[in-house]
Amino acid sequence: MAAPPPPQALSMEELPEETQRLILRHIPCSVDHGRMSLVCRAWRNMIRRQRNQLRRLLPWLLLRAPFPVGSTRVACVLSGCRVHHFLNITPLEARCFGSHDGAWLLLDTRELRPHKALNIRTGNVCDLPRKLRRRTDPYVHRMVIHVAALSSSPEHTNYVGAAIVTSWRNPAPSVVAALPPRHRCVALWRKNWRWVFDFVPPGDGDVALDVEDVLYLYSGAFAFVTQGEHLRLCKPFRLQENMLTTKWETLRFRPRGRLHDQYVRARYLVVSREELLMVVRFTPHPNQPTSKFKVFRGIERNIADADANFPVDLYPFEWSELDTLGDQMLFVGHGCSRSYKADEYLQGGIYFLDDGKFYDDAVIFGNGNVNHYPCSDNGMWSEGGHVQRCFPRPDPLDQSAPVWLLP
């Protein structure tokens, strides 16, 4: 009796739609999707059909390729840390200080015109301002951008940028040994400006300009969160071709009834489902790895919450801690935090970078000509309280720390 014929394998077209979708969910990198499409026409049609149904692609976590030494190529964590040979971050010593949708990276290249926006897919480069003017000071100041947010693509004619910067005047030649005094401030600019303007918001008593993060809101305003966990909203207005003015608003939040039980390493702003969230990152003590996160939603207080110390008319808002993230996952990074549905590719939680020292002078300005960027405190925090070190490279870098690349 003849043996029964072996079962016929299903072709790609015959696989159920959910099975096809599941395949792509296990291969989240869009570059790998392109490689898969080269297998045959059936695979190419499947990828095109399923990608139209999937939601937005996730950010890529880019790391400097470890080999060869001195390479400008980067490895993609979503692709199993494979090196994508067409992706390069140049020059080698460039420091990434943020990103923007459409595969734009914001770089400090340490060149004559150091601040640039690089589209890592197309190779297009747009210069960003390198100097700062204060409205009460006739001198032009040098500056370094810590973190920035853009209203639209750097190639857009009318985009506006907002940044947290440190500026200083060049020391006189006779005082070379003395370090110039540095000044932290908020700065704004429009496309093609050679310098930014120092837009210091009006004083508001106990709300100091100790801003930590900036986020562009689609209402046309930039939101800054302070160390006191208040919000400063800045809406820029274009008056003439080279003129810009701003309208500032302070949203005061009542301090919570208890202090945080651990050291706050960083605060981030992120929009999720049309709500503004504040993500707080903790460590047990300074210079220790991340231990946990808390997520808060900004809400209006009601009269029942009134008290003598924090009346509702002076502190009309408060941060309400979320019990759960639900089906959300958050990618947090200064100036480039994003929210996605957790069932797209990865489990829910908070994915984070080692950017807790974005404002550390020793990291940004270096010791002599050497900069050592922290890069080991990356990973994913789940709601059970567990921190998973799911990203590689535990050693310090003399190049830029990891960065999100927003699709």
Protein backbone atom coordinates (compact mmCIF):
# COMPACT_ATOMS: atom_id res chain seq x y z
CA MET A 1 0.00 0.00 0.00
CA ALA A 2 1.46 3.35 -1.03
CA ALA A 3 2.29 5.88 1.66
CA PRO A 4 -0.12 8.82 1.90
CA PRO A 5 1.15 11.97 0.21
CA PRO A 6 2.68 14.55 2.54
CA PRO A 7 0.39 17.42 3.54
CA GLN A 8 0.62 20.37 1.23
CA ALA A 9 1.97 23.55 2.76
CA LEU A 10 -0.29 26.54 2.55
CA SER A 11 0.81 29.34 0.27
CA MET A 12 1.05 32.85 1.66
CA GLU A 13 -2.25 33.80 0.02
CA GLU A 14 -3.99 30.85 1.71
CA LEU A 15 -2.90 31.75 5.24
CA PRO A 16 -5.67 33.28 7.35
CA GLU A 17 -5.56 37.07 7.65
CA GLU A 18 -4.92 36.89 11.40
CA THR A 19 -1.96 34.56 10.84
CA GLN A 20 -0.47 36.95 8.29
CA ARG A 21 -0.95 39.85 10.70
CA LEU A 22 0.64 37.84 13.52
CA ILE A 23 3.74 37.24 11.39
CA LEU A 24 4.29 40.95 10.90
CA ARG A 25 3.64 41.70 14.55
CA HIS A 26 6.61 39.50 15.42
CA ILE A 27 8.78 41.43 12.94
CA PRO A 28 8.18 45.05 14.00
CA CYS A 29 11.04 46.69 12.07
CA SER A 30 9.88 48.26 8.79
CA VAL A 31 13.33 47.69 7.25
CA ASP A 32 12.87 43.96 7.77
CA HIS A 33 9.45 44.23 6.15
CA GLY A 34 11.23 45.54 3.06
CA ARG A 35 13.63 42.62 3.11
CA MET A 36 10.74 40.17 3.43
CA SER A 37 9.01 41.70 0.42
CA LEU A 38 11.95 40.65 -1.75
CA VAL A 39 11.24 36.93 -1.20
CA CYS A 40 8.46 36.72 -3.78
CA ARG A 41 5.39 38.49 -5.10
CA ALA A 42 3.06 36.72 -2.64
CA TRP A 43 5.09 37.94 0.33
CA ARG A 44 5.26 41.43 -1.14
CA ASN A 45 1.48 41.57 -1.60
CA MET A 46 0.89 40.25 1.91
CA ILE A 47 3.16 42.86 3.50
CA ARG A 48 1.59 45.69 1.52
CA ARG A 49 -1.93 44.55 2.44
CA GLN A 50 -1.24 43.96 6.13
CA ARG A 51 0.79 47.13 6.70
CA ASN A 52 -2.15 49.16 5.44
CA GLN A 53 -4.25 47.62 8.21
CA LEU A 54 -1.68 47.90 11.00
CA ARG A 55 -1.51 51.10 12.97
CA ARG A 56 1.49 53.42 13.15
CA LEU A 57 4.89 51.80 13.26
CA LEU A 58 6.81 51.96 16.51
CA PRO A 59 9.85 54.14 17.16
CA TRP A 60 13.21 52.56 16.43
CA LEU A 61 15.78 52.52 19.18
CA LEU A 62 19.06 53.30 17.45
CA LEU A 63 22.42 52.35 18.93
CA ARG A 64 25.87 53.00 17.57
CA ALA A 65 27.11 49.88 15.81
CA PRO A 66 29.90 48.40 17.98
CA PHE A 67 31.92 47.14 14.99
CA PRO A 68 33.94 48.23 13.21
CA VAL A 69 35.40 50.71 15.69
CA GLY A 70 34.64 54.25 14.59
CA SER A 71 31.67 53.23 12.44
CA THR A 72 28.90 55.79 11.86
CA ARG A 73 26.38 53.02 11.25
CA VAL A 74 23.64 52.21 13.72
CA ALA A 75 21.94 49.08 14.97
CA CYS A 76 18.17 48.79 15.38
CA VAL A 77 16.80 47.10 18.49
CA LEU A 78 13.46 46.31 16.79
CA SER A 79 15.47 44.32 14.25
CA GLY A 80 17.29 42.24 16.85
CA CYS A 81 20.17 44.76 16.98
CA ARG A 82 21.07 44.13 13.36
CA VAL A 83 22.97 46.88 11.60
CA HIS A 84 21.01 48.66 8.88
CA HIS A 85 23.78 49.58 6.50
CA PHE A 86 21.94 52.49 4.88
CA LEU A 87 21.42 54.24 8.24
CA ASN A 88 24.29 56.46 9.36
CA ILE A 89 24.68 59.15 12.03
CA THR A 90 27.45 61.52 11.06
CA PRO A 91 29.76 62.88 12.25
CA LEU A 92 30.89 60.16 14.61
CA GLU A 93 31.08 62.45 17.67
CA ALA A 94 27.58 63.90 17.14
CA ARG A 95 25.34 64.07 20.21
CA CYS A 96 21.65 63.30 19.66
CA PHE A 97 19.39 65.60 21.69
CA GLY A 98 16.00 64.61 20.31
CA SER A 99 14.00 63.47 17.32
CA HIS A 100 10.97 64.44 15.26
CA ASP A 101 8.36 62.48 13.31
CA GLY A 102 9.45 61.41 9.85
CA ALA A 103 12.86 59.91 10.81
CA TRP A 104 14.46 63.23 11.85
CA LEU A 105 17.25 63.26 14.44
CA LEU A 106 18.36 66.46 16.19
CA LEU A 107 22.15 66.55 16.49
CA ASP A 108 24.89 68.60 18.08
CA THR A 109 27.83 67.96 15.75
CA ARG A 110 30.38 70.21 17.57
CA GLU A 111 31.25 71.84 14.28
CA LEU A 112 31.15 75.51 13.28
CA ARG A 113 27.39 75.25 12.81
CA PRO A 114 26.79 72.50 15.34
CA HIS A 115 23.02 72.07 15.65
CA LYS A 116 21.43 70.17 12.78
CA ALA A 117 18.37 68.13 11.93
CA LEU A 118 19.27 65.00 9.96
CA ASN A 119 16.75 62.83 8.14
CA ILE A 120 18.31 59.45 8.61
CA ARG A 121 16.35 57.94 5.70
CA THR A 122 16.87 60.56 3.02
CA GLY A 123 20.13 62.11 4.23
CA ASN A 124 18.63 65.63 4.08
CA VAL A 125 20.17 68.08 6.57
CA CYS A 126 18.63 71.29 7.95
CA ASP A 127 20.69 73.71 10.03
CA LEU A 128 19.34 74.72 13.44
CA PRO A 129 20.40 77.91 15.28
CA ARG A 130 23.75 77.85 17.04
CA LYS A 131 23.68 81.17 18.91
CA LEU A 132 21.33 83.00 21.23
CA ARG A 133 20.22 86.62 21.58
CA ARG A 134 18.74 87.96 24.79
CA ARG A 135 16.30 90.81 24.48
CA THR A 136 18.05 92.77 27.24
CA ASP A 137 21.62 92.05 26.10
CA PRO A 138 23.27 93.37 22.88
CA TYR A 139 25.76 90.48 22.78
CA VAL A 140 25.30 87.25 20.88
CA HIS A 141 25.82 84.21 23.13
CA ARG A 142 27.00 80.73 22.32
CA MET A 143 24.69 77.93 23.39
CA VAL A 144 24.14 74.21 23.60
CA ILE A 145 20.67 72.72 23.13
CA HIS A 146 19.72 70.13 25.73
CA VAL A 147 16.34 69.16 24.31
CA ALA A 148 14.05 70.57 21.64
CA ALA A 149 10.61 70.09 20.10
CA LEU A 150 9.47 71.20 16.64
CA SER A 151 6.01 72.25 15.50
CA SER A 152 6.45 70.47 12.15
CA SER A 153 9.13 69.06 9.85
CA PRO A 154 12.42 71.03 9.75
CA GLU A 155 11.86 71.34 5.99
CA HIS A 156 8.50 73.05 6.49
CA THR A 157 8.53 76.76 5.65
CA ASN A 158 6.82 77.99 8.81
CA TYR A 159 7.97 75.55 11.48
CA VAL A 160 8.81 76.84 14.97
CA GLY A 161 11.27 75.23 17.38
CA ALA A 162 11.34 75.46 21.16
CA ALA A 163 14.29 74.31 23.24
CA ILE A 164 15.81 74.22 26.70
CA VAL A 165 19.34 75.54 26.29
CA THR A 166 22.42 76.61 28.20
CA SER A 167 24.06 79.79 26.90
CA TRP A 168 27.20 81.73 27.74
CA ARG A 169 29.32 84.62 26.46
CA ASN A 170 32.77 83.86 25.16
CA PRO A 171 35.37 84.74 27.81
CA ALA A 172 37.72 87.64 27.06
CA PRO A 173 41.15 86.54 25.67
CA SER A 174 42.83 87.62 28.90
CA VAL A 175 40.56 85.35 30.95
CA VAL A 176 40.99 82.10 29.07
CA ALA A 177 41.38 80.03 32.23
CA ALA A 178 38.09 81.21 33.71
CA LEU A 179 34.92 79.42 32.67
CA PRO A 180 32.19 81.77 31.43
CA PRO A 181 29.02 81.84 33.53
CA ARG A 182 26.29 79.68 32.04
CA HIS A 183 22.63 80.53 31.87
CA ARG A 184 19.74 78.06 31.51
CA CYS A 185 16.77 79.36 29.56
CA VAL A 186 13.96 78.62 27.15
CA ALA A 187 14.58 79.64 23.53
CA LEU A 188 12.41 79.77 20.41
CA TRP A 189 13.17 80.21 16.73
CA ARG A 190 11.69 80.03 13.26
CA LYS A 191 13.07 78.32 10.17
CA ASN A 192 16.30 79.80 8.78
CA TRP A 193 17.03 81.94 11.86
CA ARG A 194 20.75 82.16 12.58
CA TRP A 195 20.11 82.45 16.32
CA VAL A 196 17.36 81.81 18.81
CA PHE A 197 15.77 84.34 21.11
CA ASP A 198 15.69 83.91 24.87
CA PHE A 199 12.00 83.87 25.78
CA VAL A 200 11.96 83.96 29.57
CA PRO A 201 8.34 83.66 30.73
CA PRO A 202 7.01 86.28 33.13
CA GLY A 203 7.64 85.56 36.80
CA ASP A 204 4.93 83.71 38.64
CA GLY A 205 6.00 83.66 42.27
CA ASP A 206 6.87 80.12 43.26
CA VAL A 207 6.79 78.81 39.68
CA ALA A 208 10.46 79.08 38.72
CA LEU A 209 11.89 78.47 35.27
CA ASP A 210 13.26 75.05 36.19
CA VAL A 211 11.76 73.31 33.19
CA GLU A 212 12.66 69.69 32.50
CA ASP A 213 10.86 68.67 29.33
CA VAL A 214 9.14 70.25 26.33
CA LEU A 215 6.38 68.91 24.10
CA TYR A 216 4.58 70.44 21.13
CA LEU A 217 0.80 70.33 21.46
CA TYR A 218 -1.31 70.31 18.34
CA SER A 219 -3.22 73.29 19.71
CA GLY A 220 -0.21 75.30 18.53
CA ALA A 221 1.45 75.67 21.94
CA PHE A 222 4.59 74.22 23.50
CA ALA A 223 4.20 72.72 26.98
CA PHE A 224 7.04 72.76 29.52
CA VAL A 225 6.91 70.81 32.79
CA THR A 226 8.80 72.25 35.77
CA GLN A 227 10.53 70.51 38.65
CA GLY A 228 7.64 71.70 40.81
CA GLU A 229 5.38 69.79 38.37
CA HIS A 230 3.55 72.86 37.11
CA LEU A 231 3.00 73.49 33.40
CA ARG A 232 4.17 76.50 31.42
CA LEU A 233 2.36 76.86 28.09
CA CYS A 234 3.98 78.98 25.40
CA LYS A 235 2.08 79.92 22.23
CA PRO A 236 4.29 81.61 19.61
CA PHE A 237 2.89 84.23 17.24
CA ARG A 238 4.44 85.36 13.99
CA LEU A 239 4.31 89.15 13.65
CA GLN A 240 6.51 89.78 10.61
CA GLU A 241 8.99 87.82 8.52
CA ASN A 242 11.69 87.83 11.22
CA MET A 243 9.63 88.58 14.30
CA LEU A 244 8.17 86.23 16.86
CA THR A 245 6.32 86.92 20.07
CA THR A 246 4.88 84.60 22.66
CA LYS A 247 1.92 84.31 24.97
CA TRP A 248 2.67 82.50 28.21
CA GLU A 249 0.23 80.77 30.53
CA THR A 250 0.98 79.01 33.80
CA LEU A 251 -1.12 76.05 34.90
CA ARG A 252 -0.54 75.59 38.62
CA PHE A 253 -0.94 72.12 40.06
CA ARG A 254 -1.61 71.49 43.72
CA PRO A 255 1.28 69.56 45.26
CA ARG A 256 0.25 66.05 46.14
CA GLY A 257 -0.49 65.21 49.75
CA ARG A 258 2.72 63.22 50.12
CA LEU A 259 6.19 63.56 48.73
CA HIS A 260 7.59 61.11 46.25
CA ASP A 261 9.08 58.16 48.12
CA GLN A 262 12.16 57.94 45.85
CA TYR A 263 14.53 60.26 44.04
CA VAL A 264 13.08 61.76 40.85
CA ARG A 265 15.47 61.26 37.97
CA ALA A 266 13.37 62.70 35.16
CA ARG A 267 9.93 63.97 34.20
CA TYR A 268 8.39 63.61 30.75
CA LEU A 269 5.31 64.92 28.98
CA VAL A 270 3.38 62.71 26.56
CA VAL A 271 0.00 62.98 24.84
CA SER A 272 -2.05 59.80 25.00
CA ARG A 273 -5.60 59.61 23.64
CA GLU A 274 -5.87 63.40 23.61
CA GLU A 275 -4.88 63.60 27.28
CA LEU A 276 -1.67 65.16 28.59
CA LEU A 277 0.24 62.82 30.87
CA MET A 278 3.26 63.40 33.08
CA VAL A 279 5.57 60.40 33.47
CA VAL A 280 7.88 60.47 36.49
CA ARG A 281 10.99 58.28 36.58
CA PHE A 282 12.48 57.21 39.91
CA THR A 283 15.70 55.80 41.30
CA PRO A 284 16.31 54.75 44.94
CA HIS A 285 19.20 57.23 45.20
CA PRO A 286 21.02 59.57 42.79
CA ASN A 287 23.24 57.82 40.21
CA GLN A 288 21.45 54.49 40.65
CA PRO A 289 19.49 52.65 37.92
CA THR A 290 15.82 53.33 37.28
CA SER A 291 13.58 51.51 39.75
CA LYS A 292 10.03 52.48 38.77
CA PHE A 293 7.71 54.91 37.03
CA LYS A 294 4.50 56.69 37.89
CA VAL A 295 2.08 58.16 35.36
CA PHE A 296 -0.23 61.07 36.12
CA ARG A 297 -3.09 62.67 34.23
CA GLY A 298 -3.73 66.39 34.58
CA ILE A 299 -7.26 67.13 35.80
CA GLU A 300 -9.18 70.13 37.05
CA ARG A 301 -9.87 70.36 40.76
CA ASN A 302 -13.32 70.98 42.16
CA ILE A 303 -14.46 73.11 45.06
CA ALA A 304 -14.59 70.07 47.35
CA ASP A 305 -10.79 69.86 47.13
CA ALA A 306 -10.30 73.40 48.43
CA ASP A 307 -8.03 73.92 51.42
CA ALA A 308 -6.37 76.87 53.09
CA ASN A 309 -2.87 76.11 51.81
CA PHE A 310 -3.77 75.42 48.18
CA PRO A 311 -7.04 77.14 47.23
CA VAL A 312 -8.63 76.07 43.97
CA ASP A 313 -8.50 79.57 42.47
CA LEU A 314 -4.67 79.63 42.78
CA TYR A 315 -4.03 75.92 42.12
CA PRO A 316 -6.85 74.90 39.76
CA PHE A 317 -5.24 71.64 38.58
CA GLU A 318 -3.78 68.48 40.04
CA TRP A 319 -2.00 65.38 38.84
CA SER A 320 -4.08 62.23 39.30
CA GLU A 321 -2.06 59.01 39.32
CA LEU A 322 -3.22 56.35 36.87
CA ASP A 323 -4.00 52.96 38.38
CA THR A 324 -3.10 51.21 35.14
CA LEU A 325 -1.81 51.93 31.67
CA GLY A 326 -4.43 49.62 30.21
CA ASP A 327 -3.57 48.74 26.64
CA GLN A 328 -1.11 51.60 26.26
CA MET A 329 2.63 51.51 25.95
CA LEU A 330 4.68 54.66 26.34
CA PHE A 331 8.05 55.45 24.78
CA VAL A 332 9.55 58.24 26.88
CA GLY A 333 12.44 60.52 25.98
CA HIS A 334 13.02 64.23 26.48
CA GLY A 335 11.18 66.11 23.75
CA CYS A 336 10.10 62.95 21.88
CA SER A 337 7.75 60.86 24.05
CA ARG A 338 5.00 58.93 22.24
CA SER A 339 2.07 56.64 23.10
CA TYR A 340 0.90 53.52 21.23
CA LYS A 341 -1.51 50.64 21.63
CA ALA A 342 0.17 47.74 23.40
CA ASP A 343 -1.29 44.96 21.26
CA GLU A 344 0.35 46.17 18.06
CA TYR A 345 3.75 44.53 18.55
CA LEU A 346 4.98 44.68 22.13
CA GLN A 347 3.54 44.32 25.60
CA GLY A 348 2.24 47.28 27.57
CA GLY A 349 4.63 49.24 29.74
CA ILE A 350 7.04 52.17 29.60
CA TYR A 351 10.06 51.95 27.31
CA PHE A 352 12.80 54.35 28.35
CA LEU A 353 16.27 55.60 27.40
CA ASP A 354 19.26 56.51 29.51
CA ASP A 355 18.61 60.25 29.19
CA GLY A 356 18.32 61.12 32.86
CA LYS A 357 21.46 63.29 32.63
CA PHE A 358 20.44 65.48 29.71
CA TYR A 359 21.15 68.52 31.86
CA ASP A 360 24.36 67.32 33.51
CA ASP A 361 27.21 69.71 32.64
CA ALA A 362 29.80 66.97 33.08
CA VAL A 363 28.03 64.88 30.44
CA ILE A 364 27.14 67.64 27.98
CA PHE A 365 30.31 69.73 28.17
CA GLY A 366 32.71 66.90 28.98
CA ASN A 367 36.06 66.93 30.70
CA GLY A 368 38.50 68.46 28.27
CA ASN A 369 37.73 66.98 24.86
CA VAL A 370 36.19 63.74 26.13
CA ASN A 371 32.48 63.14 26.72
CA HIS A 372 31.22 60.01 28.44
CA TYR A 373 27.54 59.44 27.82
CA PRO A 374 25.59 57.08 30.08
CA CYS A 375 23.83 54.37 28.14
CA SER A 376 23.19 51.38 30.42
CA ASP A 377 19.94 52.55 32.08
CA ASN A 378 17.63 51.64 29.18
CA GLY A 379 14.78 49.18 29.24
CA MET A 380 11.09 48.54 29.81
CA TRP A 381 9.13 48.98 33.02
CA SER A 382 6.00 46.87 33.43
CA GLU A 383 3.11 47.58 35.76
CA GLY A 384 4.07 44.74 38.02
CA GLY A 385 7.02 46.87 39.10
CA HIS A 386 9.63 44.96 37.12
CA VAL A 387 12.34 46.74 35.10
CA GLN A 388 13.56 44.64 32.18
CA ARG A 389 16.94 45.56 30.72
CA CYS A 390 15.87 44.60 27.21
CA PHE A 391 18.33 46.84 25.38
CA PRO A 392 22.05 46.04 24.96
CA ARG A 393 25.25 48.08 25.43
CA PRO A 394 25.80 48.35 29.20
CA ASP A 395 29.09 50.22 28.83
CA PRO A 396 29.48 54.03 28.81
CA LEU A 397 29.94 55.67 25.41
CA ASP A 398 32.15 58.45 24.15
CA GLN A 399 29.54 58.95 21.43
CA SER A 400 25.85 59.77 21.69
CA ALA A 401 23.55 57.86 23.99
CA PRO A 402 20.71 55.84 22.38
CA VAL A 403 17.83 57.74 20.81
CA TRP A 404 14.33 57.04 19.49
CA LEU A 405 13.84 57.38 15.75
CA LEU A 406 10.22 58.35 15.16
CA PRO A 407 8.69 56.86 11.99
